Amino acid sequence: MRAAHHDHLRDAGLLISMWVAPEARRQGIGAALVDAVAHWARTRVLKRLFLDVVETNTPAIALYARKGFVPTGEAGTLLPPATTFVKFSWS
């Protein structure tokens, strides 16, 4: 898992990368990681967190939604093999 301050928004952080091994999924590990990032953000007095998730990753999107993240309406494209992602924010 990797989190950082946002480059341009002083009151925001980024959840940059998070992955749970397939054999460890559906055990609450992803939720615990998101909770840890939210705690990290609060201790740094950050008001918002942003993340990108591949639009076909429905389990991750569901996890982020359960944790209070909402789509920002922004999207982008990754490098080949091209796939699109959607941006989410939490506050």
C-alpha atoms as a PDB file:
ATOM      1  CA  MET A   1       0.000   0.000   0.000  1.00  0.00           C
ATOM      2  CA  ARG A   2       1.234   3.485  -0.787  1.00  0.00           C
ATOM      3  CA  ALA A   3      -0.247   6.845   0.205  1.00  0.00           C
ATOM      4  CA  ALA A   4       1.063  10.376  -0.198  1.00  0.00           C
ATOM      5  CA  HIS A   5       0.105  14.023   0.017  1.00  0.00           C
ATOM      6  CA  HIS A   6      -1.513  15.370  -3.135  1.00  0.00           C
ATOM      7  CA  ASP A   7       0.937  17.406  -5.225  1.00  0.00           C
ATOM      8  CA  HIS A   8      -1.419  20.334  -5.796  1.00  0.00           C
ATOM      9  CA  LEU A   9      -4.016  20.177  -3.029  1.00  0.00           C
ATOM     10  CA  ARG A  10      -2.578  20.831   0.419  1.00  0.00           C
ATOM     11  CA  ASP A  11      -5.597  19.385   2.249  1.00  0.00           C
ATOM     12  CA  ALA A  12      -5.709  16.137   0.245  1.00  0.00           C
ATOM     13  CA  GLY A  13      -3.924  12.815   0.060  1.00  0.00           C
ATOM     14  CA  LEU A  14      -3.630  10.096  -2.547  1.00  0.00           C
ATOM     15  CA  LEU A  15      -4.127   6.370  -2.147  1.00  0.00           C
ATOM     16  CA  ILE A  16      -1.673   5.450  -4.882  1.00  0.00           C
ATOM     17  CA  SER A  17      -1.467   1.687  -4.842  1.00  0.00           C
ATOM     18  CA  MET A  18      -3.121  -1.108  -2.925  1.00  0.00           C
ATOM     19  CA  TRP A  19      -3.308  -4.816  -3.655  1.00  0.00           C
ATOM     20  CA  VAL A  20      -4.378  -7.895  -1.706  1.00  0.00           C
ATOM     21  CA  ALA A  21      -3.151 -11.342  -2.782  1.00  0.00           C
ATOM     22  CA  PRO A  22      -5.967 -13.419  -4.309  1.00  0.00           C
ATOM     23  CA  GLU A  23      -5.742 -16.091  -1.611  1.00  0.00           C
ATOM     24  CA  ALA A  24      -6.148 -13.425   1.104  1.00  0.00           C
ATOM     25  CA  ARG A  25      -9.132 -11.621  -0.399  1.00  0.00           C
ATOM     26  CA  ARG A  26     -12.605 -11.473   1.188  1.00  0.00           C
ATOM     27  CA  GLN A  27     -11.073 -11.521   4.685  1.00  0.00           C
ATOM     28  CA  GLY A  28     -11.317  -7.808   5.479  1.00  0.00           C
ATOM     29  CA  ILE A  29      -7.707  -7.018   4.623  1.00  0.00           C
ATOM     30  CA  GLY A  30      -8.587  -4.463   1.938  1.00  0.00           C
ATOM     31  CA  ALA A  31     -11.001  -2.722   4.309  1.00  0.00           C
ATOM     32  CA  ALA A  32      -8.309  -2.638   7.010  1.00  0.00           C
ATOM     33  CA  LEU A  33      -5.825  -1.116   4.556  1.00  0.00           C
ATOM     34  CA  VAL A  34      -8.307   1.604   3.533  1.00  0.00           C
ATOM     35  CA  ASP A  35      -9.018   2.284   7.215  1.00  0.00           C
ATOM     36  CA  ALA A  36      -5.269   2.630   7.843  1.00  0.00           C
ATOM     37  CA  VAL A  37      -4.945   5.173   5.017  1.00  0.00           C
ATOM     38  CA  ALA A  38      -7.964   7.114   6.333  1.00  0.00           C
ATOM     39  CA  HIS A  39      -6.355   7.164   9.791  1.00  0.00           C
ATOM     40  CA  TRP A  40      -3.065   8.340   8.254  1.00  0.00           C
ATOM     41  CA  ALA A  41      -4.948  11.144   6.459  1.00  0.00           C
ATOM     42  CA  ARG A  42      -6.748  12.251   9.619  1.00  0.00           C
ATOM     43  CA  THR A  43      -3.499  12.392  11.617  1.00  0.00           C
ATOM     44  CA  ARG A  44      -2.131  14.757   8.981  1.00  0.00           C
ATOM     45  CA  VAL A  45      -5.295  16.880   9.061  1.00  0.00           C
ATOM     46  CA  LEU A  46      -6.099  16.029   5.451  1.00  0.00           C
ATOM     47  CA  LYS A  47      -9.719  16.620   4.495  1.00  0.00           C
ATOM     48  CA  ARG A  48      -9.819  14.514   1.335  1.00  0.00           C
ATOM     49  CA  LEU A  49      -8.353  11.391  -0.202  1.00  0.00           C
ATOM     50  CA  PHE A  50      -8.268  10.582  -3.903  1.00  0.00           C
ATOM     51  CA  LEU A  51      -7.700   7.312  -5.713  1.00  0.00           C
ATOM     52  CA  ASP A  52      -7.967   5.860  -9.204  1.00  0.00           C
ATOM     53  CA  VAL A  53      -9.355   2.401  -9.883  1.00  0.00           C
ATOM     54  CA  VAL A  54      -9.698   0.486 -13.132  1.00  0.00           C
ATOM     55  CA  GLU A  55     -13.350   0.719 -14.115  1.00  0.00           C
ATOM     56  CA  THR A  56     -13.679  -3.061 -14.537  1.00  0.00           C
ATOM     57  CA  ASN A  57     -12.429  -3.763 -10.991  1.00  0.00           C
ATOM     58  CA  THR A  58     -15.906  -4.014  -9.486  1.00  0.00           C
ATOM     59  CA  PRO A  59     -14.792  -5.636  -6.199  1.00  0.00           C
ATOM     60  CA  ALA A  60     -12.418  -2.723  -5.504  1.00  0.00           C
ATOM     61  CA  ILE A  61     -15.038  -0.158  -6.519  1.00  0.00           C
ATOM     62  CA  ALA A  62     -17.519  -1.806  -4.123  1.00  0.00           C
ATOM     63  CA  LEU A  63     -14.940  -1.751  -1.306  1.00  0.00           C
ATOM     64  CA  TYR A  64     -14.167   1.934  -1.844  1.00  0.00           C
ATOM     65  CA  ALA A  65     -17.880   2.772  -1.966  1.00  0.00           C
ATOM     66  CA  ARG A  66     -18.434   0.944   1.350  1.00  0.00           C
ATOM     67  CA  LYS A  67     -15.602   3.022   2.805  1.00  0.00           C
ATOM     68  CA  GLY A  68     -17.212   6.302   1.728  1.00  0.00           C
ATOM     69  CA  PHE A  69     -15.402   7.019  -1.539  1.00  0.00           C
ATOM     70  CA  VAL A  70     -17.549   8.505  -4.301  1.00  0.00           C
ATOM     71  CA  PRO A  71     -16.829   8.917  -8.029  1.00  0.00           C
ATOM     72  CA  THR A  72     -15.563  12.365  -8.974  1.00  0.00           C
ATOM     73  CA  GLY A  73     -16.847  12.115 -12.551  1.00  0.00           C
ATOM     74  CA  GLU A  74     -13.289  12.150 -13.889  1.00  0.00           C
ATOM     75  CA  ALA A  75     -11.696   9.296 -15.826  1.00  0.00           C
ATOM     76  CA  GLY A  76      -8.462   8.579 -17.639  1.00  0.00           C
ATOM     77  CA  THR A  77      -6.560   5.998 -19.657  1.00  0.00           C
ATOM     78  CA  LEU A  78      -3.609   3.909 -18.599  1.00  0.00           C
ATOM     79  CA  LEU A  79      -0.687   3.024 -20.852  1.00  0.00           C
ATOM     80  CA  PRO A  80      -1.060  -0.009 -23.163  1.00  0.00           C
ATOM     81  CA  PRO A  81      -2.626  -2.368 -22.877  1.00  0.00           C
ATOM     82  CA  ALA A  82      -5.008   0.549 -22.522  1.00  0.00           C
ATOM     83  CA  THR A  83      -7.745   0.388 -19.975  1.00  0.00           C
ATOM     84  CA  THR A  84      -9.706   3.185 -18.436  1.00  0.00           C
ATOM     85  CA  PHE A  85      -9.906   4.142 -14.798  1.00  0.00           C
ATOM     86  CA  VAL A  86     -12.256   6.265 -12.736  1.00  0.00           C
ATOM     87  CA  LYS A  87     -11.340   8.707  -9.998  1.00  0.00           C
ATOM     88  CA  PHE A  88     -12.851   8.525  -6.515  1.00  0.00           C
ATOM     89  CA  SER A  89     -12.665  10.878  -3.551  1.00  0.00           C
ATOM     90  CA  TRP A  90     -13.348  10.610   0.164  1.00  0.00           C
ATOM     91  CA  SER A  91     -13.887  13.368   2.654  1.00  0.00           C
END
